[in-house]
């Protein structure tokens, strides 16, 4: 058996950076030409370990940033002014784009429109809790006040 380090995830073998034992012919004729693996030399094993540690550190840092953003979002109160009629119905609606723009103005946060969970656009004056999904599946609720433009 030959030892190799996977350069990419391979469904039947393992994940990227993992050291595996495979047949020498499989390594030489299939994995290496397709840049799926490299022979496991001592230097390559050390490099794979460093990459794995760096990836874990980056993941931990990203998770901390996401938690910080979730805390910041849950404390945020957005006020959006729109034209409305006498009965409180808006002349238009407030959708994900308006909420993302208001968040950018209020907290200087860059959030994608698709992360805003709205079943349908908001069409009346009032206070609403809008959920925003963050990268790791965490959901933060942002209090959104829609008021009549004067």
N, C-alpha and C. Protein backbone atom coordinates (compact mmCIF):
# COMPACT_ATOMS: atom_id res chain seq x y z
N UNK A 1 0.84 -1.19 0.00
CA UNK A 1 0.00 0.00 0.00
C UNK A 1 0.89 1.25 0.00
N UNK A 2 0.41 2.25 -0.70
CA UNK A 2 1.12 3.53 -0.75
C UNK A 2 0.32 4.56 0.04
N UNK A 3 1.03 5.43 0.73
CA UNK A 3 0.37 6.46 1.51
C UNK A 3 0.29 7.73 0.67
N UNK A 4 -0.87 8.40 0.73
CA UNK A 4 -1.10 9.61 -0.06
C UNK A 4 -1.86 10.62 0.78
N UNK A 5 -1.78 11.87 0.38
CA UNK A 5 -2.53 12.95 1.01
C UNK A 5 -3.53 13.47 -0.01
N UNK A 6 -4.79 13.51 0.36
CA UNK A 6 -5.83 13.99 -0.55
C UNK A 6 -5.75 15.50 -0.71
N UNK A 7 -5.78 15.95 -1.94
CA UNK A 7 -5.78 17.38 -2.25
C UNK A 7 -7.19 17.93 -2.40
N UNK A 8 -8.15 17.03 -2.62
CA UNK A 8 -9.56 17.39 -2.73
C UNK A 8 -10.38 16.30 -2.05
N UNK A 9 -11.63 16.60 -1.74
CA UNK A 9 -12.51 15.58 -1.20
C UNK A 9 -12.78 14.54 -2.27
N UNK A 10 -12.61 13.27 -1.92
CA UNK A 10 -12.91 12.17 -2.83
C UNK A 10 -13.93 11.30 -2.10
N UNK A 11 -15.08 11.13 -2.72
CA UNK A 11 -16.23 10.51 -2.06
C UNK A 11 -15.91 9.17 -1.40
N UNK A 12 -15.24 8.29 -2.10
CA UNK A 12 -15.03 6.95 -1.55
C UNK A 12 -13.78 6.84 -0.68
N UNK A 13 -12.94 7.89 -0.65
CA UNK A 13 -11.68 7.81 0.09
C UNK A 13 -11.62 8.65 1.34
N UNK A 14 -12.00 9.92 1.26
CA UNK A 14 -11.91 10.78 2.43
C UNK A 14 -11.98 12.24 2.05
N UNK A 15 -11.61 13.08 3.04
CA UNK A 15 -11.70 14.52 2.87
C UNK A 15 -10.33 15.11 2.55
N UNK A 16 -10.35 16.34 2.07
CA UNK A 16 -9.14 17.07 1.71
C UNK A 16 -8.19 17.14 2.91
N UNK A 17 -6.90 16.88 2.66
CA UNK A 17 -5.89 16.97 3.71
C UNK A 17 -5.70 15.69 4.49
N UNK A 18 -6.52 14.72 4.27
CA UNK A 18 -6.46 13.46 5.02
C UNK A 18 -5.41 12.54 4.40
N UNK A 19 -4.65 11.84 5.26
CA UNK A 19 -3.67 10.86 4.78
C UNK A 19 -4.39 9.51 4.65
N UNK A 20 -4.20 8.85 3.50
CA UNK A 20 -4.88 7.58 3.23
C UNK A 20 -3.89 6.56 2.69
N UNK A 21 -4.25 5.29 2.78
CA UNK A 21 -3.48 4.21 2.16
C UNK A 21 -4.25 3.72 0.95
N UNK A 22 -3.58 3.71 -0.20
CA UNK A 22 -4.19 3.22 -1.43
C UNK A 22 -3.18 2.34 -2.17
N UNK A 23 -3.66 1.64 -3.15
CA UNK A 23 -2.78 0.83 -3.98
C UNK A 23 -1.85 1.75 -4.78
N UNK A 24 -0.58 1.37 -4.95
CA UNK A 24 0.36 2.24 -5.67
C UNK A 24 -0.09 2.57 -7.09
N UNK A 25 -0.68 1.63 -7.79
CA UNK A 25 -1.15 1.88 -9.16
C UNK A 25 -2.31 2.86 -9.19
N UNK A 26 -3.20 2.77 -8.21
CA UNK A 26 -4.34 3.69 -8.13
C UNK A 26 -3.85 5.11 -7.89
N UNK A 27 -2.85 5.23 -7.01
CA UNK A 27 -2.27 6.54 -6.73
C UNK A 27 -1.59 7.10 -7.98
N UNK A 28 -0.75 6.30 -8.61
CA UNK A 28 0.06 6.73 -9.74
C UNK A 28 -0.78 6.98 -11.00
N UNK A 29 -1.76 6.14 -11.26
CA UNK A 29 -2.50 6.21 -12.52
C UNK A 29 -3.81 6.98 -12.45
N UNK A 30 -4.37 7.15 -11.27
CA UNK A 30 -5.67 7.82 -11.18
C UNK A 30 -5.61 9.10 -10.33
N UNK A 31 -5.18 8.99 -9.09
CA UNK A 31 -5.25 10.13 -8.17
C UNK A 31 -4.29 11.26 -8.54
N UNK A 32 -3.05 10.95 -8.82
CA UNK A 32 -2.07 12.00 -9.12
C UNK A 32 -2.37 12.71 -10.44
N UNK A 33 -2.65 12.00 -11.56
CA UNK A 33 -2.95 12.72 -12.81
C UNK A 33 -4.17 13.64 -12.71
N UNK A 34 -5.13 13.29 -11.88
CA UNK A 34 -6.34 14.12 -11.74
C UNK A 34 -6.19 15.15 -10.63
N UNK A 35 -5.00 15.24 -10.05
CA UNK A 35 -4.69 16.19 -8.97
C UNK A 35 -5.64 16.03 -7.78
N UNK A 36 -5.96 14.78 -7.48
CA UNK A 36 -6.80 14.48 -6.32
C UNK A 36 -5.96 14.15 -5.09
N UNK A 37 -4.71 13.72 -5.30
CA UNK A 37 -3.84 13.35 -4.19
C UNK A 37 -2.39 13.55 -4.58
N UNK A 38 -1.53 13.52 -3.56
CA UNK A 38 -0.08 13.57 -3.78
C UNK A 38 0.56 12.53 -2.87
N UNK A 39 1.73 12.04 -3.23
CA UNK A 39 2.40 11.07 -2.36
C UNK A 39 2.67 11.69 -0.99
N UNK A 40 2.57 10.87 0.05
CA UNK A 40 2.75 11.36 1.42
C UNK A 40 4.22 11.30 1.80
N UNK A 41 4.91 12.41 1.62
CA UNK A 41 6.29 12.54 2.08
C UNK A 41 6.24 13.21 3.45
N UNK A 42 7.32 13.14 4.23
CA UNK A 42 7.30 13.82 5.54
C UNK A 42 6.97 15.31 5.43
N UNK A 43 7.54 15.98 4.41
CA UNK A 43 7.25 17.41 4.22
C UNK A 43 5.80 17.65 3.86
N UNK A 44 5.24 16.79 3.02
CA UNK A 44 3.83 16.93 2.61
C UNK A 44 2.90 16.68 3.79
N UNK A 45 3.26 15.73 4.65
CA UNK A 45 2.44 15.47 5.84
C UNK A 45 2.43 16.67 6.78
N UNK A 46 3.61 17.29 6.97
CA UNK A 46 3.69 18.49 7.82
C UNK A 46 2.87 19.63 7.22
N UNK A 47 2.98 19.81 5.91
CA UNK A 47 2.22 20.87 5.24
C UNK A 47 0.72 20.63 5.36
N UNK A 48 0.29 19.38 5.23
CA UNK A 48 -1.13 19.05 5.37
C UNK A 48 -1.60 19.35 6.80
N UNK A 49 -0.77 19.04 7.78
CA UNK A 49 -1.12 19.33 9.18
C UNK A 49 -1.24 20.84 9.40
N UNK A 50 -0.30 21.62 8.84
CA UNK A 50 -0.35 23.09 8.97
C UNK A 50 -1.62 23.63 8.32
N UNK A 51 -1.97 23.12 7.13
CA UNK A 51 -3.19 23.58 6.46
C UNK A 51 -4.43 23.26 7.27
N UNK A 52 -4.46 22.06 7.85
CA UNK A 52 -5.60 21.65 8.66
C UNK A 52 -5.75 22.57 9.88
N UNK A 53 -4.62 22.87 10.55
CA UNK A 53 -4.66 23.76 11.72
C UNK A 53 -5.10 25.17 11.32
N UNK A 54 -4.59 25.66 10.17
CA UNK A 54 -4.99 26.99 9.70
C UNK A 54 -6.48 27.02 9.37
N UNK A 55 -6.99 25.96 8.77
CA UNK A 55 -8.42 25.90 8.43
C UNK A 55 -9.27 25.88 9.70
N UNK A 56 -8.83 25.14 10.72
CA UNK A 56 -9.57 25.11 11.98
C UNK A 56 -9.57 26.48 12.65
N UNK A 57 -8.42 27.16 12.62
CA UNK A 57 -8.32 28.50 13.21
C UNK A 57 -9.23 29.48 12.47
N UNK A 58 -9.23 29.40 11.13
CA UNK A 58 -10.08 30.28 10.33
C UNK A 58 -11.56 30.01 10.60
N UNK A 59 -11.91 28.74 10.76
CA UNK A 59 -13.31 28.38 11.06
C UNK A 59 -13.73 28.92 12.42
N UNK A 60 -12.84 28.82 13.39
CA UNK A 60 -13.12 29.33 14.74
C UNK A 60 -13.30 30.84 14.70
N UNK A 61 -12.43 31.52 13.97
CA UNK A 61 -12.53 32.98 13.84
C UNK A 61 -13.82 33.38 13.14
N UNK A 62 -14.20 32.65 12.08
CA UNK A 62 -15.44 32.94 11.37
C UNK A 62 -16.65 32.74 12.28
N UNK A 63 -16.61 31.68 13.10
CA UNK A 63 -17.72 31.42 14.02
C UNK A 63 -17.84 32.54 15.05
N UNK A 64 -16.71 33.04 15.53
CA UNK A 64 -16.73 34.15 16.48
C UNK A 64 -17.32 35.41 15.84
N UNK A 65 -16.93 35.68 14.59
CA UNK A 65 -17.47 36.85 13.88
C UNK A 65 -18.97 36.71 13.66
N UNK A 66 -19.41 35.49 13.32
CA UNK A 66 -20.84 35.25 13.12
C UNK A 66 -21.61 35.47 14.43
N UNK A 67 -21.06 35.00 15.54
CA UNK A 67 -21.72 35.18 16.83
C UNK A 67 -21.79 36.66 17.18
N UNK A 68 -20.73 37.38 16.89
CA UNK A 68 -20.70 38.83 17.16
C UNK A 68 -21.74 39.54 16.29
N UNK A 69 -21.81 39.15 15.01
CA UNK A 69 -22.79 39.76 14.11
C UNK A 69 -24.21 39.43 14.56
N UNK A 70 -24.44 38.20 15.03
CA UNK A 70 -25.78 37.82 15.50
C UNK A 70 -26.17 38.66 16.72
N UNK A 71 -25.23 38.87 17.63
CA UNK A 71 -25.51 39.71 18.79
C UNK A 71 -25.80 41.14 18.39
N UNK A 72 -25.03 41.66 17.46
CA UNK A 72 -25.24 43.01 16.99
C UNK A 72 -26.59 43.14 16.28
N UNK A 73 -26.94 42.16 15.47
CA UNK A 73 -28.22 42.20 14.76
C UNK A 73 -29.41 42.12 15.72
N UNK A 74 -29.29 41.30 16.76
CA UNK A 74 -30.42 41.15 17.68
C UNK A 74 -30.66 42.43 18.50
N UNK A 75 -29.64 43.29 18.60
CA UNK A 75 -29.80 44.56 19.32
C UNK A 75 -30.22 45.69 18.40
N UNK A 76 -30.25 45.44 17.12
CA UNK A 76 -30.51 46.48 16.13
C UNK A 76 -32.01 46.72 15.96
N UNK A 77 -32.37 47.99 15.89
CA UNK A 77 -33.74 48.39 15.58
C UNK A 77 -33.68 49.25 14.32
N UNK A 78 -34.30 48.77 13.27
CA UNK A 78 -34.32 49.51 12.01
C UNK A 78 -35.59 50.32 11.90
N UNK A 79 -35.46 51.53 11.42
CA UNK A 79 -36.64 52.36 11.14
C UNK A 79 -36.61 52.69 9.66
N UNK A 80 -37.67 52.29 8.97
CA UNK A 80 -37.77 52.52 7.53
C UNK A 80 -38.99 53.40 7.29
N UNK A 81 -38.77 54.52 6.62
CA UNK A 81 -39.86 55.46 6.33
C UNK A 81 -40.36 55.20 4.91
N UNK A 82 -41.69 55.03 4.78
CA UNK A 82 -42.32 54.80 3.50
C UNK A 82 -43.60 55.63 3.41
N UNK A 83 -44.00 55.94 2.20
CA UNK A 83 -45.26 56.64 2.00
C UNK A 83 -46.40 55.67 2.26
N UNK A 84 -47.42 56.13 2.97
CA UNK A 84 -48.55 55.27 3.30
C UNK A 84 -49.85 56.05 3.18
N UNK A 85 -50.91 55.28 3.03
CA UNK A 85 -52.23 55.88 2.94
C UNK A 85 -52.83 56.10 4.32
N UNK A 86 -54.08 56.57 4.34
CA UNK A 86 -54.78 56.85 5.61
C UNK A 86 -54.95 55.60 6.46
N UNK A 87 -55.13 54.44 5.83
CA UNK A 87 -55.39 53.21 6.57
C UNK A 87 -54.12 52.49 7.02
N UNK A 88 -52.93 53.07 6.77
CA UNK A 88 -51.67 52.47 7.20
C UNK A 88 -51.07 51.52 6.18
N UNK A 89 -51.73 51.39 5.03
CA UNK A 89 -51.19 50.55 3.96
C UNK A 89 -50.13 51.35 3.20
N UNK A 90 -49.03 50.69 2.86
CA UNK A 90 -47.94 51.36 2.16
C UNK A 90 -48.26 51.49 0.68
N UNK A 91 -47.74 52.55 0.07
CA UNK A 91 -47.80 52.71 -1.37
C UNK A 91 -46.58 51.97 -1.94
N UNK A 92 -46.62 50.69 -1.93
CA UNK A 92 -45.48 49.86 -2.33
C UNK A 92 -45.26 48.83 -1.23
N UNK A 93 -44.03 48.44 -1.02
CA UNK A 93 -43.75 47.46 0.02
C UNK A 93 -42.30 47.58 0.47
N UNK A 94 -42.00 46.95 1.59
CA UNK A 94 -40.63 46.88 2.10
C UNK A 94 -40.20 45.43 1.97
N UNK A 95 -39.18 45.21 1.15
CA UNK A 95 -38.69 43.86 0.92
C UNK A 95 -37.28 43.67 1.46
N UNK A 96 -36.68 42.58 1.06
CA UNK A 96 -35.34 42.23 1.54
C UNK A 96 -34.32 43.30 1.16
N UNK A 97 -34.44 43.87 -0.02
CA UNK A 97 -33.47 44.88 -0.46
C UNK A 97 -33.48 46.10 0.46
N UNK A 98 -34.66 46.58 0.82
CA UNK A 98 -34.76 47.74 1.69
C UNK A 98 -34.21 47.44 3.08
N UNK A 99 -34.44 46.23 3.56
CA UNK A 99 -33.94 45.84 4.88
C UNK A 99 -32.42 45.74 4.86
N UNK A 100 -31.86 45.17 3.81
CA UNK A 100 -30.40 45.07 3.68
C UNK A 100 -29.79 46.47 3.59
N UNK A 101 -30.41 47.36 2.82
CA UNK A 101 -29.90 48.73 2.71
C UNK A 101 -29.95 49.44 4.06
N UNK A 102 -31.03 49.25 4.82
CA UNK A 102 -31.15 49.88 6.13
C UNK A 102 -30.10 49.32 7.10
N UNK A 103 -29.82 48.02 7.02
CA UNK A 103 -28.77 47.43 7.87
C UNK A 103 -27.40 47.98 7.50
N UNK A 104 -27.16 48.18 6.23
CA UNK A 104 -25.88 48.73 5.79
C UNK A 104 -25.70 50.14 6.32
N UNK A 105 -26.78 50.92 6.29
CA UNK A 105 -26.72 52.29 6.81
C UNK A 105 -26.55 52.31 8.32
N UNK A 106 -27.34 51.49 9.03
CA UNK A 106 -27.35 51.54 10.48
C UNK A 106 -26.10 50.93 11.11
N UNK A 107 -25.68 49.77 10.65
CA UNK A 107 -24.59 49.03 11.31
C UNK A 107 -23.39 48.76 10.42
N UNK A 108 -23.42 49.21 9.17
CA UNK A 108 -22.36 48.97 8.22
C UNK A 108 -22.07 47.48 8.06
N UNK A 109 -23.15 46.68 8.05
CA UNK A 109 -23.04 45.24 7.84
C UNK A 109 -23.42 44.90 6.41
N UNK A 110 -22.62 44.07 5.78
CA UNK A 110 -22.91 43.62 4.43
C UNK A 110 -23.58 42.25 4.51
N UNK A 111 -24.86 42.22 4.24
CA UNK A 111 -25.62 40.98 4.29
C UNK A 111 -26.31 40.80 2.95
N UNK A 112 -26.31 39.58 2.46
CA UNK A 112 -26.93 39.30 1.18
C UNK A 112 -28.45 39.31 1.31
N UNK A 113 -29.11 39.73 0.23
CA UNK A 113 -30.57 39.79 0.21
C UNK A 113 -31.20 38.43 0.50
N UNK A 114 -30.61 37.38 -0.01
CA UNK A 114 -31.21 36.06 0.14
C UNK A 114 -31.16 35.55 1.58
N UNK A 115 -30.39 36.20 2.44
CA UNK A 115 -30.31 35.80 3.85
C UNK A 115 -31.47 36.35 4.68
N UNK A 116 -32.20 37.31 4.14
CA UNK A 116 -33.34 37.90 4.85
C UNK A 116 -34.54 36.99 4.66
N UNK A 117 -35.12 36.54 5.76
CA UNK A 117 -36.28 35.63 5.70
C UNK A 117 -37.57 36.43 5.79
N UNK A 118 -38.18 36.63 4.66
CA UNK A 118 -39.49 37.28 4.59
C UNK A 118 -40.39 36.39 3.76
N UNK A 119 -41.54 36.00 4.34
CA UNK A 119 -42.47 35.19 3.56
C UNK A 119 -43.03 36.01 2.41
N UNK A 120 -43.33 37.26 2.70
CA UNK A 120 -43.79 38.18 1.68
C UNK A 120 -43.37 39.58 2.10
N UNK A 121 -43.28 40.51 1.16
CA UNK A 121 -42.86 41.87 1.51
C UNK A 121 -43.84 42.51 2.51
N UNK A 122 -43.31 43.38 3.35
CA UNK A 122 -44.13 44.08 4.35
C UNK A 122 -44.87 45.21 3.65
N UNK A 123 -46.21 45.26 3.86
CA UNK A 123 -47.03 46.20 3.10
C UNK A 123 -47.84 47.17 3.97
N UNK A 124 -47.51 47.22 5.27
CA UNK A 124 -48.25 48.15 6.13
C UNK A 124 -47.34 48.72 7.20
N UNK A 125 -47.78 49.83 7.77
CA UNK A 125 -47.04 50.50 8.84
C UNK A 125 -47.14 49.63 10.09
N UNK A 126 -46.02 49.54 10.82
CA UNK A 126 -46.03 48.76 12.05
C UNK A 126 -44.64 48.30 12.45
N UNK A 127 -44.60 47.42 13.45
CA UNK A 127 -43.35 46.87 13.94
C UNK A 127 -43.32 45.38 13.62
N UNK A 128 -42.23 44.94 13.06
CA UNK A 128 -42.08 43.55 12.63
C UNK A 128 -40.74 43.01 13.10
N UNK A 129 -40.70 41.71 13.36
CA UNK A 129 -39.45 41.02 13.66
C UNK A 129 -39.04 40.29 12.37
N UNK A 130 -37.93 40.70 11.80
CA UNK A 130 -37.43 40.12 10.56
C UNK A 130 -36.25 39.22 10.90
N UNK A 131 -36.31 37.98 10.43
CA UNK A 131 -35.22 37.04 10.70
C UNK A 131 -34.17 37.12 9.60
N UNK A 132 -32.91 37.08 10.03
CA UNK A 132 -31.78 37.09 9.10
C UNK A 132 -30.93 35.88 9.39
N UNK A 133 -30.72 35.08 8.37
CA UNK A 133 -29.94 33.85 8.52
C UNK A 133 -28.47 34.15 8.28
N UNK A 134 -27.63 33.71 9.20
CA UNK A 134 -26.19 33.90 9.06
C UNK A 134 -25.58 32.63 8.48
N UNK A 135 -24.32 32.68 8.15
CA UNK A 135 -23.66 31.61 7.40
C UNK A 135 -23.72 30.24 8.08
N UNK A 136 -23.61 30.18 9.37
CA UNK A 136 -23.55 28.87 10.04
C UNK A 136 -24.93 28.37 10.45
N UNK A 137 -25.99 28.96 9.93
CA UNK A 137 -27.34 28.53 10.26
C UNK A 137 -27.96 29.28 11.42
N UNK A 138 -27.20 30.14 12.06
CA UNK A 138 -27.72 30.95 13.15
C UNK A 138 -28.71 31.96 12.58
N UNK A 139 -29.78 32.18 13.31
CA UNK A 139 -30.79 33.14 12.86
C UNK A 139 -30.88 34.26 13.90
N UNK A 140 -30.80 35.49 13.43
CA UNK A 140 -30.92 36.66 14.29
C UNK A 140 -32.20 37.41 13.91
N UNK A 141 -32.92 37.87 14.92
CA UNK A 141 -34.15 38.62 14.68
C UNK A 141 -33.86 40.12 14.81
N UNK A 142 -34.24 40.88 13.80
CA UNK A 142 -34.03 42.31 13.80
C UNK A 142 -35.38 43.00 13.90
N UNK A 143 -35.53 43.86 14.88
CA UNK A 143 -36.77 44.62 15.03
C UNK A 143 -36.81 45.69 13.95
N UNK A 144 -37.85 45.67 13.15
CA UNK A 144 -37.98 46.60 12.03
C UNK A 144 -39.26 47.40 12.21
N UNK A 145 -39.10 48.71 12.27
CA UNK A 145 -40.25 49.61 12.42
C UNK A 145 -40.47 50.30 11.09
N UNK A 146 -41.67 50.14 10.55
CA UNK A 146 -42.01 50.83 9.32
C UNK A 146 -42.94 51.96 9.70
N UNK A 147 -42.51 53.17 9.41
CA UNK A 147 -43.31 54.33 9.79
C UNK A 147 -43.69 55.12 8.56
N UNK A 148 -44.71 55.94 8.73
CA UNK A 148 -45.20 56.75 7.61
C UNK A 148 -44.26 57.90 7.36
N UNK A 149 -43.91 58.10 6.07
CA UNK A 149 -43.04 59.19 5.70
C UNK A 149 -43.82 60.49 5.81
N UNK A 150 -43.19 61.46 6.37
CA UNK A 150 -43.89 62.75 6.56
C UNK A 150 -43.47 63.75 5.56
